[in-house]
N, C-alpha and C. Protein backbone atom coordinates (compact mmCIF):
# COMPACT_ATOMS: atom_id res chain seq x y z
N MET A 1 -108.49 -49.60 74.40
CA MET A 1 -108.72 -51.00 74.01
C MET A 1 -108.81 -51.09 72.46
N LYS A 2 -108.17 -52.03 71.84
CA LYS A 2 -108.18 -52.17 70.43
C LYS A 2 -109.50 -52.84 69.95
N THR A 3 -110.01 -52.43 68.84
CA THR A 3 -111.19 -52.98 68.25
C THR A 3 -110.76 -54.10 67.31
N ILE A 4 -111.71 -54.92 66.91
CA ILE A 4 -111.45 -55.99 65.93
C ILE A 4 -110.84 -55.38 64.64
N ARG A 5 -111.37 -54.23 64.26
CA ARG A 5 -110.86 -53.58 63.02
C ARG A 5 -109.36 -53.24 63.22
N ASP A 6 -109.04 -52.74 64.42
CA ASP A 6 -107.62 -52.43 64.68
C ASP A 6 -106.76 -53.66 64.62
N LEU A 7 -107.29 -54.77 65.10
CA LEU A 7 -106.54 -55.98 65.16
C LEU A 7 -106.38 -56.67 63.82
N MET A 8 -107.21 -56.28 62.86
CA MET A 8 -107.17 -56.82 61.49
C MET A 8 -106.07 -56.19 60.65
N ILE A 9 -105.50 -55.06 61.14
CA ILE A 9 -104.41 -54.39 60.42
C ILE A 9 -103.14 -55.11 60.81
N PRO A 10 -102.44 -55.68 59.83
CA PRO A 10 -101.20 -56.42 60.17
C PRO A 10 -100.09 -55.50 60.65
N PRO A 11 -99.39 -55.89 61.70
CA PRO A 11 -98.33 -55.10 62.25
C PRO A 11 -97.16 -54.98 61.19
N ALA A 12 -96.57 -53.80 61.06
CA ALA A 12 -95.60 -53.58 60.07
C ALA A 12 -94.32 -54.40 60.30
N HIS A 13 -94.14 -54.90 61.56
CA HIS A 13 -92.86 -55.61 61.84
C HIS A 13 -92.93 -57.14 61.45
N ILE A 14 -94.01 -57.60 60.94
CA ILE A 14 -94.17 -59.06 60.58
C ILE A 14 -93.28 -59.24 59.35
N GLN A 15 -92.48 -60.33 59.42
CA GLN A 15 -91.61 -60.72 58.32
C GLN A 15 -91.60 -62.25 58.18
N GLY A 16 -91.44 -62.64 56.93
CA GLY A 16 -91.26 -64.07 56.62
C GLY A 16 -90.13 -64.17 55.63
N ARG A 17 -90.08 -65.34 54.97
CA ARG A 17 -88.95 -65.59 54.03
C ARG A 17 -89.41 -66.48 52.94
N ILE A 18 -88.92 -66.22 51.69
CA ILE A 18 -89.22 -67.11 50.59
C ILE A 18 -88.39 -68.37 50.63
N GLU A 19 -89.01 -69.49 50.71
CA GLU A 19 -88.32 -70.81 50.90
C GLU A 19 -88.19 -71.49 49.55
N ALA A 20 -89.12 -71.26 48.60
CA ALA A 20 -89.08 -71.92 47.39
C ALA A 20 -89.89 -71.05 46.37
N ILE A 21 -89.52 -71.18 45.15
CA ILE A 21 -90.25 -70.56 44.01
C ILE A 21 -90.57 -71.69 43.06
N VAL A 22 -91.82 -71.83 42.71
CA VAL A 22 -92.34 -72.87 41.86
C VAL A 22 -93.02 -72.26 40.60
N VAL A 23 -92.59 -72.76 39.43
CA VAL A 23 -93.22 -72.23 38.20
C VAL A 23 -93.52 -73.35 37.25
N ARG A 24 -94.38 -73.04 36.33
CA ARG A 24 -94.66 -74.06 35.24
C ARG A 24 -94.99 -73.17 33.96
N GLY A 25 -94.51 -73.76 32.84
CA GLY A 25 -94.68 -73.00 31.55
C GLY A 25 -96.11 -72.90 31.04
N VAL A 26 -96.86 -73.97 31.12
CA VAL A 26 -98.28 -74.04 30.62
C VAL A 26 -99.10 -74.83 31.63
N PRO A 27 -100.46 -74.51 31.58
CA PRO A 27 -101.32 -75.31 32.52
C PRO A 27 -101.06 -76.83 32.33
N ARG A 28 -101.15 -77.54 33.38
CA ARG A 28 -100.96 -78.99 33.45
C ARG A 28 -99.56 -79.42 33.19
N ASP A 29 -98.72 -78.50 32.87
CA ASP A 29 -97.25 -78.83 32.70
C ASP A 29 -96.63 -79.17 34.00
N ALA A 30 -95.60 -79.93 34.04
CA ALA A 30 -94.87 -80.21 35.26
C ALA A 30 -94.32 -78.97 35.89
N ALA A 31 -94.48 -78.77 37.13
CA ALA A 31 -93.96 -77.62 37.79
C ALA A 31 -92.47 -77.86 38.09
N ARG A 32 -91.65 -76.80 38.37
CA ARG A 32 -90.27 -76.94 38.65
C ARG A 32 -89.89 -75.82 39.57
N LEU A 33 -88.80 -76.07 40.31
CA LEU A 33 -88.17 -75.06 41.23
C LEU A 33 -87.23 -74.23 40.48
N VAL A 34 -87.23 -72.91 40.76
CA VAL A 34 -86.24 -71.98 40.32
C VAL A 34 -85.70 -71.22 41.47
N ASP A 35 -84.46 -70.74 41.41
CA ASP A 35 -83.85 -69.93 42.48
C ASP A 35 -84.31 -68.51 42.49
N GLN A 36 -84.73 -68.04 41.32
CA GLN A 36 -85.21 -66.60 41.16
C GLN A 36 -86.08 -66.46 40.05
N THR A 37 -86.86 -65.39 40.02
CA THR A 37 -87.75 -65.12 38.93
C THR A 37 -87.97 -63.60 39.00
N THR A 38 -88.71 -63.14 38.00
CA THR A 38 -89.13 -61.64 38.01
C THR A 38 -90.61 -61.57 37.99
N ALA A 39 -91.14 -60.78 38.94
CA ALA A 39 -92.57 -60.50 39.03
C ALA A 39 -92.86 -59.41 38.03
N LEU A 40 -93.88 -59.62 37.16
CA LEU A 40 -94.23 -58.67 36.15
C LEU A 40 -95.56 -58.03 36.55
N ALA A 41 -95.53 -56.71 36.86
CA ALA A 41 -96.69 -56.02 37.30
C ALA A 41 -97.92 -56.25 36.42
N GLY A 42 -98.99 -56.67 37.05
CA GLY A 42 -100.29 -56.93 36.42
C GLY A 42 -100.33 -58.13 35.54
N ILE A 43 -99.29 -58.93 35.57
CA ILE A 43 -99.18 -60.16 34.74
C ILE A 43 -99.01 -61.44 35.51
N GLY A 44 -97.87 -61.63 36.08
CA GLY A 44 -97.49 -62.84 36.76
C GLY A 44 -96.02 -63.00 36.89
N LEU A 45 -95.54 -64.19 37.15
CA LEU A 45 -94.08 -64.38 37.28
C LEU A 45 -93.54 -64.69 35.84
N ALA A 46 -92.36 -64.13 35.52
CA ALA A 46 -91.81 -64.25 34.25
C ALA A 46 -91.64 -65.66 33.78
N ASP A 47 -91.25 -66.58 34.71
CA ASP A 47 -91.02 -67.99 34.36
C ASP A 47 -92.21 -68.87 34.43
N ASP A 48 -93.37 -68.29 34.83
CA ASP A 48 -94.58 -69.04 34.97
C ASP A 48 -95.48 -68.85 33.77
N ARG A 49 -96.57 -69.58 33.70
CA ARG A 49 -97.46 -69.60 32.57
C ARG A 49 -98.01 -68.24 32.17
N LEU A 50 -98.35 -67.44 33.21
CA LEU A 50 -98.90 -66.06 32.92
C LEU A 50 -97.79 -65.14 32.36
N GLY A 51 -96.64 -65.22 32.98
CA GLY A 51 -95.52 -64.40 32.52
C GLY A 51 -95.10 -64.78 31.10
N LYS A 52 -95.11 -66.06 30.72
CA LYS A 52 -94.73 -66.47 29.41
C LYS A 52 -95.80 -66.01 28.40
N ARG A 53 -97.02 -65.92 28.86
CA ARG A 53 -98.08 -65.41 27.91
C ARG A 53 -97.83 -63.90 27.68
N GLY A 54 -97.45 -63.27 28.79
CA GLY A 54 -97.04 -61.80 28.68
C GLY A 54 -98.20 -60.80 28.54
N GLU A 55 -99.43 -61.23 28.79
CA GLU A 55 -100.49 -60.32 28.66
C GLU A 55 -100.98 -59.90 30.08
N ALA A 56 -101.56 -58.69 30.13
CA ALA A 56 -102.12 -58.24 31.45
C ALA A 56 -103.15 -59.30 31.86
N GLU A 57 -103.15 -59.61 33.09
CA GLU A 57 -104.02 -60.68 33.66
C GLU A 57 -104.85 -60.05 34.76
N LEU A 58 -106.15 -59.95 34.59
CA LEU A 58 -106.99 -59.39 35.54
C LEU A 58 -107.30 -60.32 36.69
N SER A 59 -106.86 -61.50 36.58
CA SER A 59 -107.17 -62.60 37.54
C SER A 59 -106.53 -62.16 38.94
N THR A 60 -107.13 -62.69 39.97
CA THR A 60 -106.58 -62.50 41.34
C THR A 60 -105.47 -63.54 41.58
N ARG A 61 -105.24 -64.40 40.59
CA ARG A 61 -104.29 -65.48 40.76
C ARG A 61 -102.95 -65.25 40.00
N GLN A 62 -102.52 -64.00 39.97
CA GLN A 62 -101.23 -63.67 39.17
C GLN A 62 -100.06 -64.36 39.87
N VAL A 63 -100.18 -64.56 41.23
CA VAL A 63 -99.19 -65.26 42.04
C VAL A 63 -99.96 -66.05 43.06
N THR A 64 -99.54 -67.26 43.38
CA THR A 64 -100.08 -67.99 44.48
C THR A 64 -99.02 -68.23 45.52
N LEU A 65 -99.36 -68.18 46.81
CA LEU A 65 -98.46 -68.33 47.95
C LEU A 65 -98.96 -69.37 48.88
N ILE A 66 -98.09 -70.12 49.46
CA ILE A 66 -98.52 -71.09 50.49
C ILE A 66 -97.52 -71.02 51.65
N GLN A 67 -97.95 -71.23 52.81
CA GLN A 67 -97.04 -71.27 53.97
C GLN A 67 -96.35 -72.60 54.08
N GLN A 68 -95.04 -72.54 54.30
CA GLN A 68 -94.24 -73.73 54.44
C GLN A 68 -94.76 -74.57 55.68
N GLU A 69 -95.15 -73.83 56.62
CA GLU A 69 -95.62 -74.56 57.88
C GLU A 69 -96.86 -75.39 57.61
N HIS A 70 -97.57 -75.11 56.54
CA HIS A 70 -98.79 -75.87 56.28
C HIS A 70 -98.48 -77.18 55.55
N LEU A 71 -97.29 -77.33 54.99
CA LEU A 71 -96.95 -78.59 54.21
C LEU A 71 -97.08 -79.77 55.12
N SER A 72 -96.51 -79.71 56.28
CA SER A 72 -96.63 -80.81 57.23
C SER A 72 -98.06 -81.12 57.72
N LEU A 73 -98.82 -80.07 57.79
CA LEU A 73 -100.27 -80.24 58.14
C LEU A 73 -101.05 -81.03 57.10
N ILE A 74 -100.80 -80.53 55.88
CA ILE A 74 -101.49 -81.16 54.68
C ILE A 74 -101.09 -82.67 54.61
N ALA A 75 -99.81 -82.92 54.78
CA ALA A 75 -99.28 -84.35 54.72
C ALA A 75 -99.97 -85.10 55.88
N ALA A 76 -100.11 -84.53 57.00
CA ALA A 76 -100.66 -85.30 58.16
C ALA A 76 -102.14 -85.52 57.86
N PHE A 77 -102.89 -84.61 57.39
CA PHE A 77 -104.28 -84.70 57.08
C PHE A 77 -104.53 -85.74 55.93
N ALA A 78 -103.64 -85.79 54.93
CA ALA A 78 -103.75 -86.74 53.89
C ALA A 78 -103.20 -88.06 54.23
N ARG A 79 -102.53 -88.17 55.35
CA ARG A 79 -101.85 -89.42 55.81
C ARG A 79 -100.90 -89.86 54.70
N SER A 80 -100.06 -88.91 54.23
CA SER A 80 -99.08 -89.18 53.18
C SER A 80 -97.73 -88.92 53.81
N GLY A 81 -96.72 -89.17 53.05
CA GLY A 81 -95.36 -88.87 53.46
C GLY A 81 -95.08 -87.39 53.25
N PRO A 82 -93.88 -86.91 53.45
CA PRO A 82 -93.59 -85.50 53.28
C PRO A 82 -93.94 -85.07 51.88
N LEU A 83 -94.40 -83.78 51.76
CA LEU A 83 -94.82 -83.29 50.53
C LEU A 83 -93.71 -82.39 49.85
N ASP A 84 -93.56 -82.55 48.55
CA ASP A 84 -92.73 -81.59 47.81
C ASP A 84 -93.56 -80.42 47.35
N PRO A 85 -93.10 -79.23 47.78
CA PRO A 85 -93.88 -78.02 47.39
C PRO A 85 -94.12 -77.88 45.86
N VAL A 86 -93.30 -78.48 45.08
CA VAL A 86 -93.45 -78.48 43.58
C VAL A 86 -94.80 -79.13 43.27
N ASP A 87 -95.20 -80.23 43.93
CA ASP A 87 -96.39 -80.90 43.65
C ASP A 87 -97.65 -80.08 43.93
N LEU A 88 -97.52 -79.20 44.94
CA LEU A 88 -98.67 -78.37 45.26
C LEU A 88 -98.94 -77.24 44.36
N ARG A 89 -97.96 -76.92 43.49
CA ARG A 89 -98.09 -75.91 42.39
C ARG A 89 -98.43 -74.56 42.86
N ARG A 90 -98.08 -74.16 44.06
CA ARG A 90 -98.11 -72.77 44.46
C ARG A 90 -96.81 -72.08 44.12
N ASN A 91 -96.89 -70.82 43.67
CA ASN A 91 -95.65 -70.19 43.19
C ASN A 91 -94.65 -69.88 44.27
N LEU A 92 -95.06 -69.33 45.39
CA LEU A 92 -94.17 -68.85 46.41
C LEU A 92 -94.43 -69.65 47.67
N VAL A 93 -93.41 -70.34 48.25
CA VAL A 93 -93.53 -70.99 49.48
C VAL A 93 -92.87 -70.04 50.53
N VAL A 94 -93.65 -69.61 51.46
CA VAL A 94 -93.24 -68.63 52.43
C VAL A 94 -93.21 -69.19 53.85
N SER A 95 -92.20 -68.93 54.61
CA SER A 95 -92.20 -69.35 56.02
C SER A 95 -92.25 -68.08 56.97
N GLY A 96 -92.70 -68.39 58.20
CA GLY A 96 -92.62 -67.30 59.23
C GLY A 96 -93.67 -66.25 59.18
N ILE A 97 -94.67 -66.46 58.36
CA ILE A 97 -95.69 -65.32 58.31
C ILE A 97 -97.03 -65.99 58.09
N ASN A 98 -98.10 -65.56 58.76
CA ASN A 98 -99.47 -66.08 58.63
C ASN A 98 -100.17 -65.40 57.36
N LEU A 99 -100.08 -66.05 56.22
CA LEU A 99 -100.57 -65.50 55.05
C LEU A 99 -102.13 -65.17 55.09
N LEU A 100 -102.89 -66.05 55.79
CA LEU A 100 -104.30 -65.83 55.85
C LEU A 100 -104.61 -64.52 56.57
N SER A 101 -103.77 -64.11 57.56
CA SER A 101 -104.04 -62.90 58.26
C SER A 101 -103.80 -61.71 57.44
N LEU A 102 -103.25 -61.81 56.29
CA LEU A 102 -102.81 -60.64 55.49
C LEU A 102 -103.74 -60.36 54.28
N LYS A 103 -104.95 -60.89 54.28
CA LYS A 103 -105.88 -60.62 53.16
C LYS A 103 -106.04 -59.09 52.95
N ASN A 104 -105.91 -58.66 51.74
CA ASN A 104 -105.99 -57.32 51.30
C ASN A 104 -104.68 -56.45 51.61
N ALA A 105 -103.74 -57.10 52.30
CA ALA A 105 -102.52 -56.35 52.73
C ALA A 105 -101.60 -56.32 51.46
N GLN A 106 -100.67 -55.39 51.49
CA GLN A 106 -99.62 -55.32 50.49
C GLN A 106 -98.31 -55.90 51.09
N LEU A 107 -97.70 -56.74 50.34
CA LEU A 107 -96.41 -57.34 50.81
C LEU A 107 -95.30 -56.94 49.95
N ARG A 108 -94.17 -56.68 50.56
CA ARG A 108 -92.88 -56.55 49.77
C ARG A 108 -92.25 -57.90 49.71
N VAL A 109 -92.10 -58.42 48.58
CA VAL A 109 -91.48 -59.74 48.38
C VAL A 109 -90.27 -59.60 47.47
N GLY A 110 -89.09 -59.62 48.12
CA GLY A 110 -87.93 -59.22 47.33
C GLY A 110 -88.02 -57.77 46.82
N ASP A 111 -87.92 -57.56 45.49
CA ASP A 111 -88.08 -56.24 44.91
C ASP A 111 -89.50 -55.97 44.46
N ALA A 112 -90.42 -56.91 44.58
CA ALA A 112 -91.74 -56.78 44.05
C ALA A 112 -92.72 -56.37 45.14
N LEU A 113 -93.86 -55.84 44.76
CA LEU A 113 -94.90 -55.50 45.70
C LEU A 113 -96.22 -56.23 45.27
N LEU A 114 -96.67 -57.08 46.14
CA LEU A 114 -97.89 -57.88 45.92
C LEU A 114 -99.04 -57.42 46.75
N GLN A 115 -100.24 -57.65 46.33
CA GLN A 115 -101.42 -57.45 47.17
C GLN A 115 -102.13 -58.75 47.35
N ILE A 116 -102.21 -59.22 48.61
CA ILE A 116 -102.90 -60.45 48.91
C ILE A 116 -104.43 -60.25 48.62
N VAL A 117 -105.01 -61.20 47.83
CA VAL A 117 -106.35 -60.99 47.47
C VAL A 117 -107.29 -61.92 48.17
N GLY A 118 -106.97 -63.19 48.22
CA GLY A 118 -107.92 -64.11 48.98
C GLY A 118 -107.29 -65.53 48.93
N PRO A 119 -108.11 -66.42 49.51
CA PRO A 119 -107.67 -67.80 49.60
C PRO A 119 -107.45 -68.48 48.23
N CYS A 120 -106.58 -69.41 48.18
CA CYS A 120 -106.32 -70.20 46.95
C CYS A 120 -106.82 -71.56 47.20
N ALA A 121 -107.95 -71.85 46.68
CA ALA A 121 -108.61 -73.16 46.89
C ALA A 121 -107.84 -74.22 46.20
N PRO A 122 -107.83 -75.48 46.70
CA PRO A 122 -107.14 -76.54 46.01
C PRO A 122 -107.88 -76.97 44.80
N CYS A 123 -107.15 -77.59 43.84
CA CYS A 123 -107.86 -78.09 42.64
C CYS A 123 -107.87 -79.61 42.78
N SER A 124 -108.62 -80.20 41.86
CA SER A 124 -108.81 -81.71 41.85
C SER A 124 -107.53 -82.38 41.59
N ARG A 125 -106.45 -81.72 41.06
CA ARG A 125 -105.24 -82.39 40.81
C ARG A 125 -104.53 -82.88 42.14
N MET A 126 -104.95 -82.33 43.25
CA MET A 126 -104.39 -82.75 44.55
C MET A 126 -104.64 -84.13 44.87
N GLU A 127 -105.73 -84.69 44.29
CA GLU A 127 -106.02 -86.14 44.49
C GLU A 127 -105.01 -86.97 43.77
N GLU A 128 -104.55 -86.48 42.58
CA GLU A 128 -103.48 -87.22 41.85
C GLU A 128 -102.13 -87.12 42.51
N VAL A 129 -101.81 -85.95 42.99
CA VAL A 129 -100.48 -85.62 43.51
C VAL A 129 -100.27 -86.10 44.97
N ILE A 130 -101.24 -85.85 45.80
CA ILE A 130 -101.12 -86.21 47.23
C ILE A 130 -101.64 -87.63 47.50
N GLY A 131 -102.73 -87.95 46.69
CA GLY A 131 -103.37 -89.21 46.88
C GLY A 131 -104.76 -88.99 47.34
N PRO A 132 -105.50 -90.11 47.51
CA PRO A 132 -106.93 -89.94 47.94
C PRO A 132 -107.03 -89.11 49.25
N GLY A 133 -107.91 -88.17 49.26
CA GLY A 133 -107.96 -87.24 50.37
C GLY A 133 -107.14 -86.02 50.23
N GLY A 134 -106.39 -85.92 49.15
CA GLY A 134 -105.48 -84.71 49.03
C GLY A 134 -106.26 -83.39 48.89
N TYR A 135 -107.36 -83.42 48.18
CA TYR A 135 -108.12 -82.26 48.05
C TYR A 135 -108.64 -81.80 49.46
N ALA A 136 -109.23 -82.73 50.15
CA ALA A 136 -109.74 -82.43 51.47
C ALA A 136 -108.70 -81.93 52.43
N ALA A 137 -107.49 -82.59 52.32
CA ALA A 137 -106.40 -82.16 53.21
C ALA A 137 -105.93 -80.75 53.03
N MET A 138 -106.09 -80.24 51.81
CA MET A 138 -105.59 -78.89 51.45
C MET A 138 -106.66 -77.84 51.71
N ARG A 139 -107.88 -78.26 51.93
CA ARG A 139 -108.94 -77.25 52.19
C ARG A 139 -108.57 -76.51 53.42
N GLY A 140 -108.55 -75.11 53.29
CA GLY A 140 -108.17 -74.24 54.39
C GLY A 140 -106.67 -74.02 54.52
N HIS A 141 -105.92 -74.80 53.79
CA HIS A 141 -104.47 -74.74 53.77
C HIS A 141 -103.81 -74.56 52.45
N GLY A 142 -104.58 -74.16 51.51
CA GLY A 142 -104.11 -74.02 50.07
C GLY A 142 -103.44 -72.79 49.77
N GLY A 143 -103.33 -71.91 50.75
CA GLY A 143 -102.48 -70.68 50.55
C GLY A 143 -103.40 -69.50 50.15
N MET A 144 -102.80 -68.53 49.53
CA MET A 144 -103.45 -67.27 49.13
C MET A 144 -103.13 -66.89 47.69
N THR A 145 -103.90 -66.09 47.12
CA THR A 145 -103.60 -65.57 45.78
C THR A 145 -103.20 -64.10 45.90
N ALA A 146 -102.53 -63.58 44.91
CA ALA A 146 -102.13 -62.18 45.01
C ALA A 146 -101.98 -61.61 43.58
N ARG A 147 -102.10 -60.25 43.57
CA ARG A 147 -101.86 -59.51 42.34
C ARG A 147 -100.45 -58.85 42.50
N ILE A 148 -99.80 -58.66 41.37
CA ILE A 148 -98.53 -57.96 41.40
C ILE A 148 -98.76 -56.49 41.06
N LEU A 149 -98.47 -55.67 42.06
CA LEU A 149 -98.67 -54.16 41.93
C LEU A 149 -97.39 -53.60 41.34
N GLU A 150 -96.26 -54.04 41.79
CA GLU A 150 -94.96 -53.48 41.27
C GLU A 150 -94.08 -54.69 40.96
N GLY A 151 -93.55 -54.72 39.82
CA GLY A 151 -92.62 -55.82 39.40
C GLY A 151 -91.31 -55.73 40.01
N GLY A 152 -90.51 -56.76 39.92
CA GLY A 152 -89.18 -56.82 40.47
C GLY A 152 -88.70 -58.23 40.69
N ALA A 153 -87.41 -58.35 41.01
CA ALA A 153 -86.85 -59.67 41.22
C ALA A 153 -87.31 -60.29 42.53
N ILE A 154 -87.54 -61.62 42.47
CA ILE A 154 -87.85 -62.39 43.75
C ILE A 154 -86.89 -63.54 43.72
N ARG A 155 -86.21 -63.81 44.88
CA ARG A 155 -85.20 -64.85 44.97
C ARG A 155 -85.56 -65.65 46.23
N VAL A 156 -85.20 -66.92 46.14
CA VAL A 156 -85.20 -67.80 47.34
C VAL A 156 -84.32 -67.14 48.36
N GLY A 157 -84.89 -67.06 49.62
CA GLY A 157 -84.22 -66.37 50.71
C GLY A 157 -84.60 -64.95 50.97
N ASP A 158 -85.35 -64.40 50.00
CA ASP A 158 -85.81 -62.94 50.14
C ASP A 158 -86.74 -62.78 51.30
N VAL A 159 -86.73 -61.60 51.88
CA VAL A 159 -87.60 -61.31 52.99
C VAL A 159 -88.98 -60.96 52.43
N VAL A 160 -90.02 -61.40 53.16
CA VAL A 160 -91.42 -61.03 52.87
C VAL A 160 -91.87 -60.17 54.02
N SER A 161 -92.33 -58.98 53.71
CA SER A 161 -92.73 -58.11 54.84
C SER A 161 -93.98 -57.26 54.39
N VAL A 162 -94.71 -56.85 55.38
CA VAL A 162 -95.90 -56.07 55.14
C VAL A 162 -95.38 -54.64 54.66
N ALA A 163 -95.96 -54.18 53.59
CA ALA A 163 -95.53 -52.88 53.02
C ALA A 163 -96.24 -51.75 53.67
């Protein structure tokens, strides 16, 4: 019989897919979609604010990820129309994989290696973007943060798998 500790180890066969890549040049700048970017080990995404700064970042938020499947839940909880992932300002929109179950796991994302660190709490800007109740709607569905252990190219359509 498996223990809870055994069940907490993600199976190696789990796979997802990158549906969108979202970056912004500086804090509070408008976010935008890109088809590909480069993950810079210990820094962030080359096209995002941390990558543009180019300094080692000890933060656990070098990259943020959100599940595509949660976008419709957030919209339903906020009683809003469909959400554009650009508005949520998470770097990688991933489908087909339960990100919350992968805390502390290493993921191969395209050519890069990430380590999932912990939940990505929503910020107060969600009230502006989603509307009243946007912050509350995202609680528990804001995605995860990660560190970049190995740099490499990340493209829309790339496989996300447990390393």
